[in-house]
Structures are given as C-alpha cells and as structure tokens.
Amino acid sequence: MKADKLLEALIDLAKRADYSVRRETGHFRGGACVVRDQRLILINRSMPLEAAAVILARALVKIGIEEDQFVKPAVRDILDRERVYVDQHPEVTFEVATKEPSAA
C-alpha cells in the first residue's frame, strides 16, 4: 500500500476512535493529546508520509484503538509492528523537541 493511502487509512481509523488528526508545523514529532476536550493526534508537517504513518500508528497503539474493528492488512501490519516497538520501548514518549541555543 502506498504511503499516502496508508496514512489516509490510519487517519480514518483515528476518526473512528474520535480523534482528529492534524499535520502542523513546529519543533515536534507528533502524538496524541487532548486540548479543550478535543482529542487530537498531531503530526509534524515536515515529516515524510512514511514517517507520519509510523507516528500515527504508534499514537493509535498508545491510545488503545478497538482491536475488533476491521482494518486492511497493510494497516494491521503497521499497527502490529508499532505495537511491538511500543512494548519494547515503553520509555519512548512523544515529547516536544527543543532547539539548542546557538553559541554566540
């Protein structure tokens, strides 16, 4: 499945879980959050589509999407792969990247 279609399918899955997905610009990778009672998954706009799909899949795994929903095999594959990653790296979180101060 092409990256754009995979990302689109993951976005649809997020919507079924009552999360909005937004691609924004900034110094962050992405992840799930709640802002003023709105459930969001933010993804950095500068990321390639393949990386955005990975970030979105990890966020969906972390929020615990419904496992009984039908998803396409390619979507199930990325979710399963990222579930293994999340289980093996529980210390990895979605944090805001900070810019290093320039040396003057």
PDB file of N, CA and C in Angstrom:
ATOM      1  N   MET A   1       0.855  -1.171   0.000  1.00  0.00           N
ATOM      2  CA  MET A   1       0.000   0.000   0.000  1.00  0.00           C
ATOM      3  C   MET A   1       0.901   1.234   0.000  1.00  0.00           C
ATOM      4  N   LYS A   2       0.577   2.190  -0.832  1.00  0.00           N
ATOM      5  CA  LYS A   2       1.367   3.418  -0.905  1.00  0.00           C
ATOM      6  C   LYS A   2       1.212   4.220   0.388  1.00  0.00           C
ATOM      7  N   ALA A   3       2.236   5.016   0.678  1.00  0.00           N
ATOM      8  CA  ALA A   3       2.294   5.770   1.932  1.00  0.00           C
ATOM      9  C   ALA A   3       1.094   6.695   2.107  1.00  0.00           C
ATOM     10  N   ASP A   4       0.656   7.372   1.035  1.00  0.00           N
ATOM     11  CA  ASP A   4      -0.471   8.291   1.175  1.00  0.00           C
ATOM     12  C   ASP A   4      -1.769   7.554   1.505  1.00  0.00           C
ATOM     13  N   LYS A   5      -1.961   6.385   0.909  1.00  0.00           N
ATOM     14  CA  LYS A   5      -3.168   5.589   1.190  1.00  0.00           C
ATOM     15  C   LYS A   5      -3.110   4.985   2.589  1.00  0.00           C
ATOM     16  N   LEU A   6      -1.912   4.574   3.005  1.00  0.00           N
ATOM     17  CA  LEU A   6      -1.741   4.037   4.354  1.00  0.00           C
ATOM     18  C   LEU A   6      -2.046   5.110   5.389  1.00  0.00           C
ATOM     19  N   LEU A   7      -1.511   6.306   5.182  1.00  0.00           N
ATOM     20  CA  LEU A   7      -1.766   7.412   6.096  1.00  0.00           C
ATOM     21  C   LEU A   7      -3.257   7.747   6.129  1.00  0.00           C
ATOM     22  N   GLU A   8      -3.885   7.746   4.984  1.00  0.00           N
ATOM     23  CA  GLU A   8      -5.325   8.027   4.904  1.00  0.00           C
ATOM     24  C   GLU A   8      -6.129   6.981   5.683  1.00  0.00           C
ATOM     25  N   ALA A   9      -5.754   5.709   5.553  1.00  0.00           N
ATOM     26  CA  ALA A   9      -6.459   4.641   6.272  1.00  0.00           C
ATOM     27  C   ALA A   9      -6.251   4.769   7.785  1.00  0.00           C
ATOM     28  N   LEU A  10      -5.046   5.155   8.196  1.00  0.00           N
ATOM     29  CA  LEU A  10      -4.778   5.365   9.626  1.00  0.00           C
ATOM     30  C   LEU A  10      -5.564   6.563  10.160  1.00  0.00           C
ATOM     31  N   ILE A  11      -5.680   7.609   9.370  1.00  0.00           N
ATOM     32  CA  ILE A  11      -6.474   8.779   9.760  1.00  0.00           C
ATOM     33  C   ILE A  11      -7.938   8.378   9.938  1.00  0.00           C
ATOM     34  N   ASP A  12      -8.455   7.554   9.028  1.00  0.00           N
ATOM     35  CA  ASP A  12      -9.835   7.074   9.157  1.00  0.00           C
ATOM     36  C   ASP A  12     -10.020   6.268  10.440  1.00  0.00           C
ATOM     37  N   LEU A  13      -9.020   5.455  10.767  1.00  0.00           N
ATOM     38  CA  LEU A  13      -9.077   4.674  11.996  1.00  0.00           C
ATOM     39  C   LEU A  13      -9.074   5.585  13.224  1.00  0.00           C
ATOM     40  N   ALA A  14      -8.267   6.633  13.182  1.00  0.00           N
ATOM     41  CA  ALA A  14      -8.231   7.603  14.282  1.00  0.00           C
ATOM     42  C   ALA A  14      -9.586   8.293  14.426  1.00  0.00           C
ATOM     43  N   LYS A  15     -10.198   8.645  13.309  1.00  0.00           N
ATOM     44  CA  LYS A  15     -11.512   9.295  13.363  1.00  0.00           C
ATOM     45  C   LYS A  15     -12.557   8.380  13.987  1.00  0.00           C
ATOM     46  N   ARG A  16     -12.474   7.073  13.675  1.00  0.00           N
ATOM     47  CA  ARG A  16     -13.406   6.118  14.279  1.00  0.00           C
ATOM     48  C   ARG A  16     -13.211   6.035  15.792  1.00  0.00           C
ATOM     49  N   ALA A  17     -12.007   6.374  16.249  1.00  0.00           N
ATOM     50  CA  ALA A  17     -11.717   6.390  17.687  1.00  0.00           C
ATOM     51  C   ALA A  17     -11.964   7.773  18.293  1.00  0.00           C
ATOM     52  N   ASP A  18     -12.627   8.645  17.543  1.00  0.00           N
ATOM     53  CA  ASP A  18     -12.968  10.005  17.988  1.00  0.00           C
ATOM     54  C   ASP A  18     -11.756  10.905  18.194  1.00  0.00           C
ATOM     55  N   TYR A  19     -10.735  10.728  17.374  1.00  0.00           N
ATOM     56  CA  TYR A  19      -9.566  11.600  17.383  1.00  0.00           C
ATOM     57  C   TYR A  19      -9.506  12.345  16.060  1.00  0.00           C
ATOM     58  N   SER A  20      -9.180  13.622  16.120  1.00  0.00           N
ATOM     59  CA  SER A  20      -8.902  14.407  14.920  1.00  0.00           C
ATOM     60  C   SER A  20      -7.405  14.322  14.670  1.00  0.00           C
ATOM     61  N   VAL A  21      -7.018  14.279  13.417  1.00  0.00           N
ATOM     62  CA  VAL A  21      -5.598  14.230  13.061  1.00  0.00           C
ATOM     63  C   VAL A  21      -5.260  15.513  12.331  1.00  0.00           C
ATOM     64  N   ARG A  22      -4.208  16.179  12.811  1.00  0.00           N
ATOM     65  CA  ARG A  22      -3.764  17.429  12.173  1.00  0.00           C
ATOM     66  C   ARG A  22      -2.276  17.356  11.916  1.00  0.00           C
ATOM     67  N   ARG A  23      -1.888  17.837  10.757  1.00  0.00           N
ATOM     68  CA  ARG A  23      -0.466  17.974  10.437  1.00  0.00           C
ATOM     69  C   ARG A  23      -0.130  19.444  10.585  1.00  0.00           C
ATOM     70  N   GLU A  24       0.767  19.725  11.518  1.00  0.00           N
ATOM     71  CA  GLU A  24       1.135  21.096  11.856  1.00  0.00           C
ATOM     72  C   GLU A  24       2.639  21.288  11.702  1.00  0.00           C
ATOM     73  N   THR A  25       3.048  22.533  11.667  1.00  0.00           N
ATOM     74  CA  THR A  25       4.459  22.881  11.598  1.00  0.00           C
ATOM     75  C   THR A  25       4.951  23.199  12.999  1.00  0.00           C
ATOM     76  N   GLY A  26       6.174  22.801  13.298  1.00  0.00           N
ATOM     77  CA  GLY A  26       6.731  23.098  14.612  1.00  0.00           C
ATOM     78  C   GLY A  26       7.907  22.214  14.931  1.00  0.00           C
ATOM     79  N   HIS A  27       8.366  22.307  16.159  1.00  0.00           N
ATOM     80  CA  HIS A  27       9.514  21.537  16.623  1.00  0.00           C
ATOM     81  C   HIS A  27       9.030  20.355  17.454  1.00  0.00           C
ATOM     82  N   PHE A  28       8.397  19.390  16.822  1.00  0.00           N
ATOM     83  CA  PHE A  28       7.880  18.201  17.485  1.00  0.00           C
ATOM     84  C   PHE A  28       7.747  17.101  16.441  1.00  0.00           C
ATOM     85  N   ARG A  29       7.600  15.885  16.915  1.00  0.00           N
ATOM     86  CA  ARG A  29       7.358  14.763  16.004  1.00  0.00           C
ATOM     87  C   ARG A  29       5.866  14.531  15.857  1.00  0.00           C
ATOM     88  N   GLY A  30       5.218  14.329  17.005  1.00  0.00           N
ATOM     89  CA  GLY A  30       3.783  14.126  16.971  1.00  0.00           C
ATOM     90  C   GLY A  30       3.332  13.193  18.056  1.00  0.00           C
ATOM     91  N   GLY A  31       2.030  13.050  18.178  1.00  0.00           N
ATOM     92  CA  GLY A  31       1.453  12.156  19.164  1.00  0.00           C
ATOM     93  C   GLY A  31       0.042  12.574  19.519  1.00  0.00           C
ATOM     94  N   ALA A  32      -0.546  11.842  20.444  1.00  0.00           N
ATOM     95  CA  ALA A  32      -1.926  12.084  20.848  1.00  0.00           C
ATOM     96  C   ALA A  32      -1.973  13.023  22.044  1.00  0.00           C
ATOM     97  N   CYS A  33      -3.012  13.850  22.085  1.00  0.00           N
ATOM     98  CA  CYS A  33      -3.222  14.758  23.210  1.00  0.00           C
ATOM     99  C   CYS A  33      -4.691  15.163  23.252  1.00  0.00           C
ATOM    100  N   VAL A  34      -5.053  15.840  24.333  1.00  0.00           N
ATOM    101  CA  VAL A  34      -6.405  16.378  24.474  1.00  0.00           C
ATOM    102  C   VAL A  34      -6.266  17.870  24.722  1.00  0.00           C
ATOM    103  N   VAL A  35      -6.937  18.666  23.883  1.00  0.00           N
ATOM    104  CA  VAL A  35      -6.907  20.118  24.012  1.00  0.00           C
ATOM    105  C   VAL A  35      -8.350  20.602  24.091  1.00  0.00           C
ATOM    106  N   ARG A  36      -8.682  21.208  25.230  1.00  0.00           N
ATOM    107  CA  ARG A  36     -10.042  21.733  25.436  1.00  0.00           C
ATOM    108  C   ARG A  36     -11.106  20.699  25.062  1.00  0.00           C
ATOM    109  N   ASP A  37     -10.982  19.523  25.626  1.00  0.00           N
ATOM    110  CA  ASP A  37     -11.925  18.413  25.415  1.00  0.00           C
ATOM    111  C   ASP A  37     -11.936  17.878  23.985  1.00  0.00           C
ATOM    112  N   GLN A  38     -10.999  18.273  23.150  1.00  0.00           N
ATOM    113  CA  GLN A  38     -10.906  17.745  21.791  1.00  0.00           C
ATOM    114  C   GLN A  38      -9.720  16.785  21.732  1.00  0.00           C
ATOM    115  N   ARG A  39      -9.981  15.567  21.306  1.00  0.00           N
ATOM    116  CA  ARG A  39      -8.943  14.556  21.196  1.00  0.00           C
ATOM    117  C   ARG A  39      -8.215  14.741  19.869  1.00  0.00           C
ATOM    118  N   LEU A  40      -6.897  14.926  19.942  1.00  0.00           N
ATOM    119  CA  LEU A  40      -6.096  15.216  18.760  1.00  0.00           C
ATOM    120  C   LEU A  40      -4.911  14.273  18.647  1.00  0.00           C
ATOM    121  N   ILE A  41      -4.527  14.026  17.418  1.00  0.00           N
ATOM    122  CA  ILE A  41      -3.238  13.418  17.128  1.00  0.00           C
ATOM    123  C   ILE A  41      -2.547  14.402  16.195  1.00  0.00           C
ATOM    124  N   LEU A  42      -1.436  14.944  16.659  1.00  0.00           N
ATOM    125  CA  LEU A  42      -0.676  15.917  15.873  1.00  0.00           C
ATOM    126  C   LEU A  42       0.507  15.222  15.221  1.00  0.00           C
ATOM    127  N   ILE A  43       0.771  15.597  13.980  1.00  0.00           N
ATOM    128  CA  ILE A  43       1.904  15.068  13.233  1.00  0.00           C
ATOM    129  C   ILE A  43       2.622  16.247  12.604  1.00  0.00           C
ATOM    130  N   ASN A  44       3.946  16.234  12.686  1.00  0.00           N
ATOM    131  CA  ASN A  44       4.722  17.314  12.101  1.00  0.00           C
ATOM    132  C   ASN A  44       4.594  17.284  10.581  1.00  0.00           C
ATOM    133  N   ARG A  45       4.233  18.416  10.009  1.00  0.00           N
ATOM    134  CA  ARG A  45       4.009  18.539   8.570  1.00  0.00           C
ATOM    135  C   ARG A  45       5.272  18.273   7.752  1.00  0.00           C
ATOM    136  N   SER A  46       6.436  18.517   8.333  1.00  0.00           N
ATOM    137  CA  SER A  46       7.677  18.365   7.571  1.00  0.00           C
ATOM    138  C   SER A  46       8.118  16.907   7.432  1.00  0.00           C
ATOM    139  N   MET A  47       7.465  16.005   8.132  1.00  0.00           N
ATOM    140  CA  MET A  47       7.823  14.587   8.047  1.00  0.00           C
ATOM    141  C   MET A  47       7.361  13.985   6.736  1.00  0.00           C
ATOM    142  N   PRO A  48       8.156  13.070   6.189  1.00  0.00           N
ATOM    143  CA  PRO A  48       7.689  12.333   5.006  1.00  0.00           C
ATOM    144  C   PRO A  48       6.439  11.517   5.375  1.00  0.00           C
ATOM    145  N   LEU A  49       5.650  11.165   4.391  1.00  0.00           N
ATOM    146  CA  LEU A  49       4.404  10.435   4.647  1.00  0.00           C
ATOM    147  C   LEU A  49       4.654   9.117   5.376  1.00  0.00           C
ATOM    148  N   GLU A  50       5.742   8.428   5.039  1.00  0.00           N
ATOM    149  CA  GLU A  50       6.058   7.152   5.691  1.00  0.00           C
ATOM    150  C   GLU A  50       6.285   7.352   7.188  1.00  0.00           C
ATOM    151  N   ALA A  51       7.027   8.386   7.554  1.00  0.00           N
ATOM    152  CA  ALA A  51       7.289   8.684   8.968  1.00  0.00           C
ATOM    153  C   ALA A  51       6.004   9.127   9.663  1.00  0.00           C
ATOM    154  N   ALA A  52       5.181   9.897   8.984  1.00  0.00           N
ATOM    155  CA  ALA A  52       3.911  10.337   9.555  1.00  0.00           C
ATOM    156  C   ALA A  52       3.019   9.128   9.851  1.00  0.00           C
ATOM    157  N   ALA A  53       3.030   8.136   8.971  1.00  0.00           N
ATOM    158  CA  ALA A  53       2.239   6.921   9.190  1.00  0.00           C
ATOM    159  C   ALA A  53       2.726   6.174  10.423  1.00  0.00           C
ATOM    160  N   VAL A  54       4.034   6.117  10.621  1.00  0.00           N
ATOM    161  CA  VAL A  54       4.594   5.449  11.791  1.00  0.00           C
ATOM    162  C   VAL A  54       4.179   6.184  13.067  1.00  0.00           C
ATOM    163  N   ILE A  55       4.310   7.500  13.077  1.00  0.00           N
ATOM    164  CA  ILE A  55       3.923   8.293  14.254  1.00  0.00           C
ATOM    165  C   ILE A  55       2.439   8.102  14.559  1.00  0.00           C
ATOM    166  N   LEU A  56       1.615   8.135  13.532  1.00  0.00           N
ATOM    167  CA  LEU A  56       0.178   7.964  13.724  1.00  0.00           C
ATOM    168  C   LEU A  56      -0.134   6.553  14.230  1.00  0.00           C
ATOM    169  N   ALA A  57       0.511   5.545  13.673  1.00  0.00           N
ATOM    170  CA  ALA A  57       0.283   4.171  14.122  1.00  0.00           C
ATOM    171  C   ALA A  57       0.696   4.003  15.585  1.00  0.00           C
ATOM    172  N   ARG A  58       1.832   4.577  15.969  1.00  0.00           N
ATOM    173  CA  ARG A  58       2.275   4.492  17.368  1.00  0.00           C
ATOM    174  C   ARG A  58       1.274   5.180  18.299  1.00  0.00           C
ATOM    175  N   ALA A  59       0.772   6.335  17.873  1.00  0.00           N
ATOM    176  CA  ALA A  59      -0.205   7.049  18.695  1.00  0.00           C
ATOM    177  C   ALA A  59      -1.478   6.210  18.849  1.00  0.00           C
ATOM    178  N   LEU A  60      -1.922   5.577  17.774  1.00  0.00           N
ATOM    179  CA  LEU A  60      -3.124   4.745  17.839  1.00  0.00           C
ATOM    180  C   LEU A  60      -2.913   3.554  18.766  1.00  0.00           C
ATOM    181  N   VAL A  61      -1.729   2.968  18.710  1.00  0.00           N
ATOM    182  CA  VAL A  61      -1.413   1.856  19.606  1.00  0.00           C
ATOM    183  C   VAL A  61      -1.435   2.333  21.053  1.00  0.00           C
ATOM    184  N   LYS A  62      -0.837   3.504  21.312  1.00  0.00           N
ATOM    185  CA  LYS A  62      -0.767   4.021  22.678  1.00  0.00           C
ATOM    186  C   LYS A  62      -2.144   4.391  23.236  1.00  0.00           C
ATOM    187  N   ILE A  63      -3.041   4.889  22.384  1.00  0.00           N
ATOM    188  CA  ILE A  63      -4.366   5.254  22.899  1.00  0.00           C
ATOM    189  C   ILE A  63      -5.273   4.044  22.999  1.00  0.00           C
ATOM    190  N   GLY A  64      -4.866   2.926  22.411  1.00  0.00           N
ATOM    191  CA  GLY A  64      -5.637   1.691  22.538  1.00  0.00           C
ATOM    192  C   GLY A  64      -6.863   1.653  21.665  1.00  0.00           C
ATOM    193  N   ILE A  65      -6.666   1.669  20.375  1.00  0.00           N
ATOM    194  CA  ILE A  65      -7.804   1.582  19.451  1.00  0.00           C
ATOM    195  C   ILE A  65      -8.509   0.243  19.616  1.00  0.00           C
ATOM    196  N   GLU A  66      -9.735   0.186  19.188  1.00  0.00           N
ATOM    197  CA  GLU A  66     -10.525  -1.038  19.291  1.00  0.00           C
ATOM    198  C   GLU A  66      -9.934  -2.112  18.389  1.00  0.00           C
ATOM    199  N   GLU A  67      -9.625  -3.240  18.964  1.00  0.00           N
ATOM    200  CA  GLU A  67      -8.997  -4.328  18.211  1.00  0.00           C
ATOM    201  C   GLU A  67      -9.983  -5.120  17.366  1.00  0.00           C
ATOM    202  N   ASP A  68     -11.271  -4.998  17.634  1.00  0.00           N
ATOM    203  CA  ASP A  68     -12.245  -5.794  16.904  1.00  0.00           C
ATOM    204  C   ASP A  68     -12.708  -5.128  15.607  1.00  0.00           C
ATOM    205  N   GLN A  69     -12.194  -3.957  15.295  1.00  0.00           N
ATOM    206  CA  GLN A  69     -12.556  -3.273  14.060  1.00  0.00           C
ATOM    207  C   GLN A  69     -11.828  -3.897  12.884  1.00  0.00           C
ATOM    208  N   PHE A  70     -12.480  -3.940  11.725  1.00  0.00           N
ATOM    209  CA  PHE A  70     -11.799  -4.420  10.528  1.00  0.00           C
ATOM    210  C   PHE A  70     -10.863  -3.330  10.023  1.00  0.00           C
ATOM    211  N   VAL A  71      -9.654  -3.717   9.716  1.00  0.00           N
ATOM    212  CA  VAL A  71      -8.705  -2.823   9.066  1.00  0.00           C
ATOM    213  C   VAL A  71      -8.011  -3.599   7.960  1.00  0.00           C
ATOM    214  N   LYS A  72      -7.568  -2.893   6.961  1.00  0.00           N
ATOM    215  CA  LYS A  72      -6.879  -3.523   5.835  1.00  0.00           C
ATOM    216  C   LYS A  72      -5.600  -4.202   6.331  1.00  0.00           C
ATOM    217  N   PRO A  73      -5.177  -5.265   5.661  1.00  0.00           N
ATOM    218  CA  PRO A  73      -3.979  -5.981   6.099  1.00  0.00           C
ATOM    219  C   PRO A  73      -2.737  -5.098   6.238  1.00  0.00           C
ATOM    220  N   ALA A  74      -2.522  -4.151   5.341  1.00  0.00           N
ATOM    221  CA  ALA A  74      -1.346  -3.276   5.428  1.00  0.00           C
ATOM    222  C   ALA A  74      -1.423  -2.390   6.666  1.00  0.00           C
ATOM    223  N   VAL A  75      -2.625  -1.966   7.022  1.00  0.00           N
ATOM    224  CA  VAL A  75      -2.816  -1.142   8.219  1.00  0.00           C
ATOM    225  C   VAL A  75      -2.595  -1.999   9.457  1.00  0.00           C
ATOM    226  N   ARG A  76      -3.134  -3.220   9.443  1.00  0.00           N
ATOM    227  CA  ARG A  76      -2.934  -4.143  10.566  1.00  0.00           C
ATOM    228  C   ARG A  76      -1.444  -4.425  10.752  1.00  0.00           C
ATOM    229  N   ASP A  77      -0.707  -4.581   9.642  1.00  0.00           N
ATOM    230  CA  ASP A  77       0.731  -4.858   9.718  1.00  0.00           C
ATOM    231  C   ASP A  77       1.484  -3.731  10.419  1.00  0.00           C
ATOM    232  N   ILE A  78       1.214  -2.481  10.033  1.00  0.00           N
ATOM    233  CA  ILE A  78       1.936  -1.373  10.661  1.00  0.00           C
ATOM    234  C   ILE A  78       1.530  -1.217  12.123  1.00  0.00           C
ATOM    235  N   LEU A  79       0.261  -1.451  12.440  1.00  0.00           N
ATOM    236  CA  LEU A  79      -0.171  -1.373  13.837  1.00  0.00           C
ATOM    237  C   LEU A  79       0.501  -2.460  14.676  1.00  0.00           C
ATOM    238  N   ASP A  80       0.569  -3.677  14.123  1.00  0.00           N
ATOM    239  CA  ASP A  80       1.224  -4.771  14.844  1.00  0.00           C
ATOM    240  C   ASP A  80       2.706  -4.485  15.042  1.00  0.00           C
ATOM    241  N   ARG A  81       3.361  -3.980  14.003  1.00  0.00           N
ATOM    242  CA  ARG A  81       4.789  -3.662  14.097  1.00  0.00           C
ATOM    243  C   ARG A  81       5.046  -2.578  15.139  1.00  0.00           C
ATOM    244  N   GLU A  82       4.219  -1.532  15.135  1.00  0.00           N
ATOM    245  CA  GLU A  82       4.411  -0.444  16.091  1.00  0.00           C
ATOM    246  C   GLU A  82       4.001  -0.855  17.497  1.00  0.00           C
ATOM    247  N   ARG A  83       3.073  -1.794  17.631  1.00  0.00           N
ATOM    248  CA  ARG A  83       2.717  -2.308  18.953  1.00  0.00           C
ATOM    249  C   ARG A  83       3.924  -3.008  19.572  1.00  0.00           C
ATOM    250  N   VAL A  84       4.644  -3.789  18.777  1.00  0.00           N
ATOM    251  CA  VAL A  84       5.852  -4.454  19.258  1.00  0.00           C
ATOM    252  C   VAL A  84       6.881  -3.407  19.678  1.00  0.00           C
ATOM    253  N   TYR A  85       7.051  -2.359  18.859  1.00  0.00           N
ATOM    254  CA  TYR A  85       8.006  -1.299  19.187  1.00  0.00           C
ATOM    255  C   TYR A  85       7.635  -0.619  20.510  1.00  0.00           C
ATOM    256  N   VAL A  86       6.371  -0.275  20.664  1.00  0.00           N
ATOM    257  CA  VAL A  86       5.911   0.408  21.878  1.00  0.00           C
ATOM    258  C   VAL A  86       6.103  -0.498  23.090  1.00  0.00           C
ATOM    259  N   ASP A  87       5.820  -1.792  22.941  1.00  0.00           N
ATOM    260  CA  ASP A  87       6.008  -2.726  24.052  1.00  0.00           C
ATOM    261  C   ASP A  87       7.478  -2.855  24.435  1.00  0.00           C
ATOM    262  N   GLN A  88       8.364  -2.817  23.437  1.00  0.00           N
ATOM    263  CA  GLN A  88       9.790  -2.969  23.693  1.00  0.00           C
ATOM    264  C   GLN A  88      10.449  -1.674  24.160  1.00  0.00           C
ATOM    265  N   HIS A  89       9.809  -0.529  23.913  1.00  0.00           N
ATOM    266  CA  HIS A  89      10.377   0.776  24.265  1.00  0.00           C
ATOM    267  C   HIS A  89       9.349   1.613  25.032  1.00  0.00           C
ATOM    268  N   PRO A  90       8.946   1.174  26.214  1.00  0.00           N
ATOM    269  CA  PRO A  90       7.911   1.917  26.944  1.00  0.00           C
ATOM    270  C   PRO A  90       8.365   3.302  27.390  1.00  0.00           C
ATOM    271  N   GLU A  91       9.669   3.517  27.433  1.00  0.00           N
ATOM    272  CA  GLU A  91      10.180   4.817  27.871  1.00  0.00           C
ATOM    273  C   GLU A  91      10.071   5.878  26.779  1.00  0.00           C
ATOM    274  N   VAL A  92       9.842   5.466  25.537  1.00  0.00           N
ATOM    275  CA  VAL A  92       9.759   6.417  24.434  1.00  0.00           C
ATOM    276  C   VAL A  92       8.401   7.099  24.482  1.00  0.00           C
ATOM    277  N   THR A  93       8.428   8.416  24.547  1.00  0.00           N
ATOM    278  CA  THR A  93       7.195   9.196  24.557  1.00  0.00           C
ATOM    279  C   THR A  93       7.265  10.224  23.441  1.00  0.00           C
ATOM    280  N   PHE A  94       6.175  10.891  23.231  1.00  0.00           N
ATOM    281  CA  PHE A  94       6.129  11.945  22.237  1.00  0.00           C
ATOM    282  C   PHE A  94       6.364  13.256  22.959  1.00  0.00           C
ATOM    283  N   GLU A  95       7.562  13.772  22.835  1.00  0.00           N
ATOM    284  CA  GLU A  95       7.911  14.996  23.537  1.00  0.00           C
ATOM    285  C   GLU A  95       8.208  16.115  22.553  1.00  0.00           C
ATOM    286  N   VAL A  96       8.013  17.315  23.018  1.00  0.00           N
ATOM    287  CA  VAL A  96       8.339  18.478  22.205  1.00  0.00           C
ATOM    288  C   VAL A  96       9.854  18.554  22.064  1.00  0.00           C
ATOM    289  N   ALA A  97      10.319  18.667  20.839  1.00  0.00           N
ATOM    290  CA  ALA A  97      11.755  18.818  20.610  1.00  0.00           C
ATOM    291  C   ALA A  97      12.140  20.251  20.931  1.00  0.00           C
ATOM    292  N   THR A  98      13.237  20.410  21.615  1.00  0.00           N
ATOM    293  CA  THR A  98      13.691  21.750  21.935  1.00  0.00           C
ATOM    294  C   THR A  98      14.873  22.113  21.060  1.00  0.00           C
ATOM    295  N   LYS A  99      14.911  23.348  20.665  1.00  0.00           N
ATOM    296  CA  LYS A  99      16.025  23.843  19.872  1.00  0.00           C
ATOM    297  C   LYS A  99      17.195  24.139  20.783  1.00  0.00           C
ATOM    298  N   GLU A 100      18.359  23.712  20.358  1.00  0.00           N
ATOM    299  CA  GLU A 100      19.560  24.011  21.116  1.00  0.00           C
ATOM    300  C   GLU A 100      19.888  25.488  20.952  1.00  0.00           C
ATOM    301  N   PRO A 101      20.228  26.181  22.032  1.00  0.00           N
ATOM    302  CA  PRO A 101      20.594  27.599  21.892  1.00  0.00           C
ATOM    303  C   PRO A 101      21.887  27.709  21.075  1.00  0.00           C
ATOM    304  N   SER A 102      21.901  28.661  20.203  1.00  0.00           N
ATOM    305  CA  SER A 102      23.089  28.854  19.372  1.00  0.00           C
ATOM    306  C   SER A 102      24.208  29.477  20.194  1.00  0.00           C
ATOM    307  N   ALA A 103      25.417  29.027  19.903  1.00  0.00           N
ATOM    308  CA  ALA A 103      26.580  29.557  20.618  1.00  0.00           C
ATOM    309  C   ALA A 103      26.903  30.954  20.071  1.00  0.00           C
ATOM    310  N   ALA A 104      27.009  31.910  20.949  1.00  0.00           N
ATOM    311  CA  ALA A 104      27.260  33.277  20.498  1.00  0.00           C
ATOM    312  C   ALA A 104      28.684  33.681  20.785  1.00  0.00           C
TER     313      ALA A 104
END
